[in-house]
C-alpha atoms as a PDB file:
ATOM      1  CA  MET A   1       5.947  20.040 -16.084  1.00  0.00           C
ATOM      2  CA  THR A   2       3.736  20.001 -13.412  1.00  0.00           C
ATOM      3  CA  SER A   3       2.780  23.676 -12.403  1.00  0.00           C
ATOM      4  CA  GLU A   4       4.046  25.187  -8.571  1.00  0.00           C
ATOM      5  CA  PRO A   5       1.044  25.770  -5.942  1.00  0.00           C
ATOM      6  CA  HIS A   6       1.628  29.188  -4.040  1.00  0.00           C
ATOM      7  CA  ASP A   7       3.763  28.807  -0.672  1.00  0.00           C
ATOM      8  CA  ASP A   8       0.222  28.633   1.200  1.00  0.00           C
ATOM      9  CA  THR A   9      -1.962  26.427  -1.527  1.00  0.00           C
ATOM     10  CA  THR A  10      -1.393  23.260  -3.455  1.00  0.00           C
ATOM     11  CA  HIS A  11      -2.732  19.958  -5.553  1.00  0.00           C
ATOM     12  CA  PHE A  12      -5.577  18.027  -4.544  1.00  0.00           C
ATOM     13  CA  GLY A  13      -6.196  15.887  -6.954  1.00  0.00           C
ATOM     14  CA  PHE A  14      -7.603  18.715  -9.314  1.00  0.00           C
ATOM     15  CA  LYS A  15      -8.547  20.940  -6.540  1.00  0.00           C
ATOM     16  CA  THR A  16      -5.751  24.119  -5.158  1.00  0.00           C
ATOM     17  CA  VAL A  17      -6.185  23.508  -1.342  1.00  0.00           C
ATOM     18  CA  ARG A  18      -4.624  25.201   2.190  1.00  0.00           C
ATOM     19  CA  THR A  19      -1.192  23.959   1.558  1.00  0.00           C
ATOM     20  CA  GLU A  20      -2.010  22.680   5.886  1.00  0.00           C
ATOM     21  CA  GLU A  21      -4.774  20.978   5.134  1.00  0.00           C
ATOM     22  CA  LYS A  22      -3.662  18.693   2.205  1.00  0.00           C
ATOM     23  CA  ALA A  23      -2.511  15.736   4.740  1.00  0.00           C
ATOM     24  CA  ALA A  24      -5.655  14.919   7.085  1.00  0.00           C
ATOM     25  CA  LEU A  25      -7.660  15.429   3.491  1.00  0.00           C
ATOM     26  CA  VAL A  26      -4.915  12.239   2.349  1.00  0.00           C
ATOM     27  CA  ARG A  27      -5.647  10.850   5.887  1.00  0.00           C
ATOM     28  CA  GLU A  28      -9.217  10.978   4.969  1.00  0.00           C
ATOM     29  CA  VAL A  29      -8.999   9.140   1.205  1.00  0.00           C
ATOM     30  CA  PHE A  30      -7.253   5.839   2.669  1.00  0.00           C
ATOM     31  CA  ASP A  31      -9.004   5.950   6.150  1.00  0.00           C
ATOM     32  CA  SER A  32     -12.103   5.775   4.083  1.00  0.00           C
ATOM     33  CA  VAL A  33     -10.736   2.686   1.890  1.00  0.00           C
ATOM     34  CA  ALA A  34      -8.429   0.765   4.108  1.00  0.00           C
ATOM     35  CA  GLY A  35     -10.198  -2.253   3.779  1.00  0.00           C
ATOM     36  CA  ARG A  36     -10.869  -2.461   0.409  1.00  0.00           C
ATOM     37  CA  TYR A  37      -7.480  -0.831  -0.632  1.00  0.00           C
ATOM     38  CA  ASP A  38      -5.688  -4.202  -1.635  1.00  0.00           C
ATOM     39  CA  LEU A  39      -8.463  -5.643  -3.016  1.00  0.00           C
ATOM     40  CA  MET A  40      -9.163  -2.046  -5.424  1.00  0.00           C
ATOM     41  CA  ASN A  41      -5.523  -2.441  -6.490  1.00  0.00           C
ATOM     42  CA  ASP A  42      -6.055  -5.949  -7.660  1.00  0.00           C
ATOM     43  CA  LEU A  43      -9.527  -4.469  -9.896  1.00  0.00           C
ATOM     44  CA  MET A  44      -7.912  -2.267 -11.116  1.00  0.00           C
ATOM     45  CA  SER A  45      -4.391  -2.527 -11.676  1.00  0.00           C
ATOM     46  CA  ALA A  46      -5.961  -6.272 -13.123  1.00  0.00           C
ATOM     47  CA  GLY A  47      -3.198  -7.529 -10.489  1.00  0.00           C
ATOM     48  CA  ILE A  48      -0.106  -5.934 -12.594  1.00  0.00           C
ATOM     49  CA  HIS A  49       0.585  -3.593  -9.188  1.00  0.00           C
ATOM     50  CA  ARG A  50       2.139  -7.004  -7.887  1.00  0.00           C
ATOM     51  CA  LEU A  51       4.081  -7.667 -10.450  1.00  0.00           C
ATOM     52  CA  TRP A  52       5.173  -3.841 -10.664  1.00  0.00           C
ATOM     53  CA  LYS A  53       5.815  -4.940  -6.888  1.00  0.00           C
ATOM     54  CA  SER A  54       7.692  -7.695  -8.182  1.00  0.00           C
ATOM     55  CA  ALA A  55      10.403  -6.035 -10.092  1.00  0.00           C
ATOM     56  CA  PHE A  56      10.642  -3.053  -7.685  1.00  0.00           C
ATOM     57  CA  LEU A  57      11.686  -5.544  -4.870  1.00  0.00           C
ATOM     58  CA  ASP A  58      14.558  -7.875  -7.319  1.00  0.00           C
ATOM     59  CA  TRP A  59      15.853  -4.033  -8.672  1.00  0.00           C
ATOM     60  CA  LEU A  60      16.937  -3.820  -4.483  1.00  0.00           C
ATOM     61  CA  ARG A  61      18.149  -7.065  -3.966  1.00  0.00           C
ATOM     62  CA  PRO A  62      17.004  -7.326  -0.081  1.00  0.00           C
ATOM     63  CA  ARG A  63      19.564  -9.065   2.128  1.00  0.00           C
ATOM     64  CA  PRO A  64      19.602  -9.957   5.756  1.00  0.00           C
ATOM     65  CA  ASP A  65      21.998  -7.175   6.298  1.00  0.00           C
ATOM     66  CA  MET A  66      20.264  -4.857   5.099  1.00  0.00           C
ATOM     67  CA  THR A  67      17.406  -2.496   6.930  1.00  0.00           C
ATOM     68  CA  LEU A  68      14.764  -1.351   5.045  1.00  0.00           C
ATOM     69  CA  LEU A  69      12.266   1.975   6.312  1.00  0.00           C
ATOM     70  CA  ASP A  70       8.859   1.807   4.096  1.00  0.00           C
ATOM     71  CA  VAL A  71       6.937   4.647   3.534  1.00  0.00           C
ATOM     72  CA  GLY A  72       3.200   4.977   3.148  1.00  0.00           C
ATOM     73  CA  GLY A  73       3.076   0.934   3.167  1.00  0.00           C
ATOM     74  CA  GLY A  74       0.817   0.517   5.476  1.00  0.00           C
ATOM     75  CA  THR A  75      -1.048  -2.778   4.942  1.00  0.00           C
ATOM     76  CA  GLY A  76       2.736  -4.201   3.781  1.00  0.00           C
ATOM     77  CA  ASP A  77       3.345  -5.443   0.316  1.00  0.00           C
ATOM     78  CA  ILE A  78       7.045  -3.849  -0.011  1.00  0.00           C
ATOM     79  CA  ALA A  79       7.527  -5.187   3.575  1.00  0.00           C
ATOM     80  CA  PHE A  80       6.656  -8.397   3.433  1.00  0.00           C
ATOM     81  CA  GLY A  81       7.716  -9.044   0.324  1.00  0.00           C
ATOM     82  CA  PHE A  82      11.463  -7.211   1.952  1.00  0.00           C
ATOM     83  CA  ARG A  83      11.524 -10.126   4.103  1.00  0.00           C
ATOM     84  CA  LYS A  84      10.719 -12.757   1.678  1.00  0.00           C
ATOM     85  CA  ARG A  85      13.429 -12.045   0.103  1.00  0.00           C
ATOM     86  CA  GLY A  86      15.566 -12.238   3.254  1.00  0.00           C
ATOM     87  CA  GLY A  87      15.742  -8.819   4.044  1.00  0.00           C
ATOM     88  CA  GLY A  88      16.716  -7.759   7.697  1.00  0.00           C
ATOM     89  CA  ARG A  89      14.586  -5.162   9.823  1.00  0.00           C
ATOM     90  CA  VAL A  90      12.196  -3.088   8.290  1.00  0.00           C
ATOM     91  CA  MET A  91      10.519  -0.221  10.030  1.00  0.00           C
ATOM     92  CA  VAL A  92       6.969   0.946   8.035  1.00  0.00           C
ATOM     93  CA  CYS A  93       5.401   4.406   7.974  1.00  0.00           C
ATOM     94  CA  ASP A  94       2.594   5.049   7.286  1.00  0.00           C
ATOM     95  CA  ILE A  95       0.483   8.818   8.186  1.00  0.00           C
ATOM     96  CA  ASN A  96      -3.050   6.537   8.549  1.00  0.00           C
ATOM     97  CA  ARG A  97      -3.336   4.228  11.182  1.00  0.00           C
ATOM     98  CA  GLU A  98      -6.778   2.468   9.488  1.00  0.00           C
ATOM     99  CA  MET A  99      -4.303   2.051   6.302  1.00  0.00           C
ATOM    100  CA  LEU A 100      -0.921   0.287   9.342  1.00  0.00           C
ATOM    101  CA  ALA A 101      -3.725  -1.402  10.899  1.00  0.00           C
ATOM    102  CA  VAL A 102      -4.692  -3.338   7.571  1.00  0.00           C
ATOM    103  CA  GLY A 103      -1.362  -4.205   7.183  1.00  0.00           C
ATOM    104  CA  ARG A 104      -0.400  -5.609  11.048  1.00  0.00           C
ATOM    105  CA  ASP A 105      -3.600  -7.913  10.498  1.00  0.00           C
ATOM    106  CA  ARG A 106      -2.181  -9.513   7.054  1.00  0.00           C
ATOM    107  CA  GLY A 107       1.651  -9.978   8.787  1.00  0.00           C
ATOM    108  CA  PHE A 108      -0.205 -12.381  11.619  1.00  0.00           C
ATOM    109  CA  ASN A 109      -2.568 -14.180   9.178  1.00  0.00           C
ATOM    110  CA  ARG A 110       0.937 -15.129   6.794  1.00  0.00           C
ATOM    111  CA  ASN A 111       2.614 -15.097  10.095  1.00  0.00           C
ATOM    112  CA  LEU A 112       4.529 -12.166   9.141  1.00  0.00           C
ATOM    113  CA  VAL A 113       5.627 -10.314  12.397  1.00  0.00           C
ATOM    114  CA  GLY A 114       9.132 -10.707  13.860  1.00  0.00           C
ATOM    115  CA  GLY A 115      10.823  -8.089  12.291  1.00  0.00           C
ATOM    116  CA  LEU A 116       8.749  -6.106  11.361  1.00  0.00           C
ATOM    117  CA  ALA A 117       7.704  -2.150  13.295  1.00  0.00           C
ATOM    118  CA  TRP A 118       4.243  -0.622  12.703  1.00  0.00           C
ATOM    119  CA  VAL A 119       5.098   3.577  13.433  1.00  0.00           C
ATOM    120  CA  CYS A 120       2.639   6.394  12.328  1.00  0.00           C
ATOM    121  CA  GLY A 121       4.187   8.431  10.994  1.00  0.00           C
ATOM    122  CA  ASP A 122       5.044  12.083   8.554  1.00  0.00           C
ATOM    123  CA  ALA A 123       6.838  11.106   5.255  1.00  0.00           C
ATOM    124  CA  GLN A 124       7.680  14.596   5.100  1.00  0.00           C
ATOM    125  CA  ALA A 125       9.243  14.519   9.687  1.00  0.00           C
ATOM    126  CA  LEU A 126      10.178  10.990   9.713  1.00  0.00           C
ATOM    127  CA  PRO A 127      10.454   8.545  13.464  1.00  0.00           C
ATOM    128  CA  ALA A 128      14.474   8.024  12.380  1.00  0.00           C
ATOM    129  CA  ALA A 129      17.467   9.173  12.789  1.00  0.00           C
ATOM    130  CA  ASP A 130      19.901  10.189  10.838  1.00  0.00           C
ATOM    131  CA  ARG A 131      22.045   7.879   8.859  1.00  0.00           C
ATOM    132  CA  SER A 132      19.998   4.878  10.361  1.00  0.00           C
ATOM    133  CA  VAL A 133      19.251   2.794   7.644  1.00  0.00           C
ATOM    134  CA  ASP A 134      20.084   1.026   4.217  1.00  0.00           C
ATOM    135  CA  ALA A 135      17.942   1.632   2.487  1.00  0.00           C
ATOM    136  CA  TYR A 136      14.353   3.979   1.757  1.00  0.00           C
ATOM    137  CA  THR A 137      11.887   2.772   0.177  1.00  0.00           C
ATOM    138  CA  ILE A 138       7.788   4.777  -1.168  1.00  0.00           C
ATOM    139  CA  ALA A 139       5.675   2.926  -2.944  1.00  0.00           C
ATOM    140  CA  PHE A 140       2.313   5.075  -4.479  1.00  0.00           C
ATOM    141  CA  CYS A 141       3.011   6.972  -1.797  1.00  0.00           C
ATOM    142  CA  LEU A 142       5.409  10.390  -3.143  1.00  0.00           C
ATOM    143  CA  ARG A 143       2.458  11.746  -5.097  1.00  0.00           C
ATOM    144  CA  ASN A 144      -0.002  12.095  -1.852  1.00  0.00           C
ATOM    145  CA  VAL A 145       2.896  13.772  -0.284  1.00  0.00           C
ATOM    146  CA  THR A 146       2.084  17.320   0.265  1.00  0.00           C
ATOM    147  CA  ASP A 147       5.552  18.575   0.016  1.00  0.00           C
ATOM    148  CA  ILE A 148       7.777  16.165  -1.987  1.00  0.00           C
ATOM    149  CA  ARG A 149      11.316  17.822  -2.282  1.00  0.00           C
ATOM    150  CA  ALA A 150      10.727  17.869   1.333  1.00  0.00           C
ATOM    151  CA  ALA A 151      10.266  14.226   1.579  1.00  0.00           C
ATOM    152  CA  LEU A 152      12.661  13.657  -0.174  1.00  0.00           C
ATOM    153  CA  ALA A 153      15.473  15.857   2.144  1.00  0.00           C
ATOM    154  CA  GLU A 154      13.846  12.978   4.431  1.00  0.00           C
ATOM    155  CA  ALA A 155      14.730  10.002   2.922  1.00  0.00           C
ATOM    156  CA  TYR A 156      18.034  11.124   1.973  1.00  0.00           C
ATOM    157  CA  ARG A 157      18.613  12.137   6.214  1.00  0.00           C
ATOM    158  CA  VAL A 158      17.585   9.067   7.409  1.00  0.00           C
ATOM    159  CA  LEU A 159      19.886   6.487   5.121  1.00  0.00           C
ATOM    160  CA  LYS A 160      22.668   5.755   5.663  1.00  0.00           C
ATOM    161  CA  PRO A 161      25.952   6.178   3.794  1.00  0.00           C
ATOM    162  CA  GLY A 162      26.068   3.943   0.313  1.00  0.00           C
ATOM    163  CA  GLY A 163      22.366   4.005   1.451  1.00  0.00           C
ATOM    164  CA  ARG A 164      19.429   3.127  -1.066  1.00  0.00           C
ATOM    165  CA  PHE A 165      16.912   5.286  -2.068  1.00  0.00           C
ATOM    166  CA  MET A 166      14.203   3.576  -4.181  1.00  0.00           C
ATOM    167  CA  CYS A 167      10.608   5.369  -5.586  1.00  0.00           C
ATOM    168  CA  LEU A 168       8.036   3.700  -7.134  1.00  0.00           C
ATOM    169  CA  GLU A 169       4.866   5.350  -7.724  1.00  0.00           C
ATOM    170  CA  PHE A 170       2.782   5.998 -10.995  1.00  0.00           C
ATOM    171  CA  SER A 171       4.296   8.073 -14.121  1.00  0.00           C
ATOM    172  CA  ARG A 172       3.691   9.770 -17.427  1.00  0.00           C
ATOM    173  CA  VAL A 173       2.862   6.900 -20.373  1.00  0.00           C
ATOM    174  CA  VAL A 174       5.664   7.405 -22.723  1.00  0.00           C
ATOM    175  CA  LEU A 175       3.491   5.106 -25.418  1.00  0.00           C
ATOM    176  CA  PRO A 176       0.952   7.638 -27.287  1.00  0.00           C
ATOM    177  CA  GLY A 177      -1.688   5.106 -28.215  1.00  0.00           C
ATOM    178  CA  LEU A 178      -1.839   3.830 -23.908  1.00  0.00           C
ATOM    179  CA  ARG A 179      -1.718   7.526 -23.212  1.00  0.00           C
ATOM    180  CA  GLU A 180      -5.121   7.534 -24.071  1.00  0.00           C
ATOM    181  CA  ALA A 181      -6.750   4.262 -23.431  1.00  0.00           C
ATOM    182  CA  TYR A 182      -5.277   4.874 -20.247  1.00  0.00           C
ATOM    183  CA  ASP A 183      -6.609   8.261 -19.711  1.00  0.00           C
ATOM    184  CA  ALA A 184      -9.873   6.975 -20.539  1.00  0.00           C
ATOM    185  CA  TYR A 185      -9.849   4.254 -18.638  1.00  0.00           C
ATOM    186  CA  SER A 186      -8.868   6.312 -15.986  1.00  0.00           C
ATOM    187  CA  PHE A 187     -10.923   9.033 -15.413  1.00  0.00           C
ATOM    188  CA  ASN A 188     -14.574   7.039 -17.088  1.00  0.00           C
ATOM    189  CA  VAL A 189     -13.372   3.523 -14.725  1.00  0.00           C
ATOM    190  CA  LEU A 190     -11.622   3.636 -12.169  1.00  0.00           C
ATOM    191  CA  PRO A 191     -13.944   6.365 -10.148  1.00  0.00           C
ATOM    192  CA  LEU A 192     -17.022   3.758 -10.920  1.00  0.00           C
ATOM    193  CA  ILE A 193     -14.949   1.053  -9.011  1.00  0.00           C
ATOM    194  CA  GLY A 194     -14.326   2.895  -6.412  1.00  0.00           C
ATOM    195  CA  GLN A 195     -17.824   3.999  -5.711  1.00  0.00           C
ATOM    196  CA  PHE A 196     -19.214  -0.368  -6.586  1.00  0.00           C
ATOM    197  CA  VAL A 197     -16.798  -1.895  -4.578  1.00  0.00           C
ATOM    198  CA  ALA A 198     -14.938   0.415  -1.419  1.00  0.00           C
ATOM    199  CA  GLY A 199     -18.005   2.973  -1.819  1.00  0.00           C
ATOM    200  CA  ASN A 200     -16.097   5.763  -2.131  1.00  0.00           C
ATOM    201  CA  ARG A 201     -16.417   7.217  -5.687  1.00  0.00           C
ATOM    202  CA  GLU A 202     -14.773  10.708  -4.804  1.00  0.00           C
ATOM    203  CA  ALA A 203     -11.946   9.281  -3.252  1.00  0.00           C
ATOM    204  CA  TYR A 204     -11.527   6.991  -6.540  1.00  0.00           C
ATOM    205  CA  GLN A 205     -11.647  10.205  -8.591  1.00  0.00           C
ATOM    206  CA  TYR A 206      -8.713  12.014  -6.818  1.00  0.00           C
ATOM    207  CA  LEU A 207      -6.096   9.074  -6.884  1.00  0.00           C
ATOM    208  CA  VAL A 208      -6.430   9.633 -10.760  1.00  0.00           C
ATOM    209  CA  GLU A 209      -6.091  13.489 -10.688  1.00  0.00           C
ATOM    210  CA  SER A 210      -3.474  12.760  -7.932  1.00  0.00           C
ATOM    211  CA  ILE A 211      -1.346  10.873 -11.375  1.00  0.00           C
ATOM    212  CA  ARG A 212      -1.928  13.864 -13.480  1.00  0.00           C
ATOM    213  CA  LYS A 213       0.001  16.427 -11.232  1.00  0.00           C
ATOM    214  CA  PHE A 214       2.605  13.626  -9.723  1.00  0.00           C
ATOM    215  CA  PRO A 215       5.802  14.900 -11.958  1.00  0.00           C
ATOM    216  CA  PRO A 216       7.137  12.996 -14.547  1.00  0.00           C
ATOM    217  CA  GLN A 217       9.802  10.930 -14.885  1.00  0.00           C
ATOM    218  CA  ALA A 218      12.686  13.287 -16.179  1.00  0.00           C
ATOM    219  CA  GLU A 219      11.238  16.010 -13.854  1.00  0.00           C
ATOM    220  CA  LEU A 220      10.867  13.693 -10.430  1.00  0.00           C
ATOM    221  CA  LYS A 221      14.312  12.874 -11.497  1.00  0.00           C
ATOM    222  CA  ALA A 222      15.537  16.329 -11.178  1.00  0.00           C
ATOM    223  CA  MET A 223      14.012  16.564  -7.513  1.00  0.00           C
ATOM    224  CA  VAL A 224      15.936  13.157  -6.774  1.00  0.00           C
ATOM    225  CA  GLU A 225      18.741  15.358  -7.634  1.00  0.00           C
ATOM    226  CA  ASP A 226      18.756  18.667  -6.173  1.00  0.00           C
ATOM    227  CA  VAL A 227      18.349  16.999  -2.115  1.00  0.00           C
ATOM    228  CA  GLY A 228      22.003  15.014  -3.197  1.00  0.00           C
ATOM    229  CA  PHE A 229      20.951  12.000  -4.228  1.00  0.00           C
ATOM    230  CA  GLU A 230      23.364   9.914  -6.965  1.00  0.00           C
ATOM    231  CA  ARG A 231      23.200   7.783  -9.667  1.00  0.00           C
ATOM    232  CA  CYS A 232      19.986   7.986 -10.144  1.00  0.00           C
ATOM    233  CA  GLU A 233      17.845   5.706 -12.715  1.00  0.00           C
ATOM    234  CA  VAL A 234      14.601   5.457 -14.011  1.00  0.00           C
ATOM    235  CA  ARG A 235      12.707   2.557 -15.248  1.00  0.00           C
ATOM    236  CA  ASN A 236       9.417   2.566 -16.626  1.00  0.00           C
ATOM    237  CA  LEU A 237       6.692  -0.040 -16.259  1.00  0.00           C
ATOM    238  CA  SER A 238       3.716  -1.048 -18.856  1.00  0.00           C
ATOM    239  CA  GLY A 239       4.735   1.826 -21.121  1.00  0.00           C
ATOM    240  CA  GLY A 240       5.507   4.860 -17.975  1.00  0.00           C
ATOM    241  CA  ILE A 241       1.855   3.832 -16.229  1.00  0.00           C
ATOM    242  CA  ALA A 242       4.177   3.502 -13.448  1.00  0.00           C
ATOM    243  CA  ALA A 243       8.287   4.317 -13.176  1.00  0.00           C
ATOM    244  CA  ILE A 244      11.074   3.036 -10.285  1.00  0.00           C
ATOM    245  CA  HIS A 245      13.583   5.921  -9.785  1.00  0.00           C
ATOM    246  CA  SER A 246      16.518   4.011  -7.773  1.00  0.00           C
ATOM    247  CA  ALA A 247      19.319   6.443  -6.236  1.00  0.00           C
ATOM    248  CA  TRP A 248      21.731   6.307  -3.704  1.00  0.00           C
ATOM    249  CA  ARG A 249      23.218   8.510  -0.899  1.00  0.00           C
ATOM    250  CA  LEU A 250      27.231   8.221  -1.161  1.00  0.00           C
END
């Protein structure tokens, strides 16, 4: 179980910071690595993050009449994959303008412009109307949100009845042998890659720590259900290194 911070403090990796400071600290991390973010994902996961995102979208099953709000998807992977699979209109909402700029540029370079809107906004106060979208996705972002329950409640608010919530996030490894190897790799290798490729060791030290502070699968499932979602299912990926949570607003 993850420990709950006091109301006026929260976690920033393994550090305790004032609640109102976290969003700015997270924004600074991602602004600093935006230009190398996708390259870093490939290096850190040996490209496996692409398979996880593909499995995520396969489970979502995009349709032309399905509108999507993709939260924290600044560089566009989920949005582009959704559109390529035949999905409808997408709003990409991210708190980091630098990440959104990278995503827009990638869209232009791939001739993926139509049906996409790029909006700077907060997962805890989404710039979308009540019951306005068919699907809500959040991939590798929820652990960076200051108040996870508030973000989940916002997801519920903006989804239409019958709408679907899906979260892809690093989670708790369930295979004992893999757990030790993954911990050693995470804490010893990933910050070094961040230092030499992105020029920011501290940013990737934070990312490693943020994974360990994130609720494990069963706890997150309970949180999703607590805000009103139903039929919540969990699928582990790569032995629990990552997990997908799927739920519905009925």
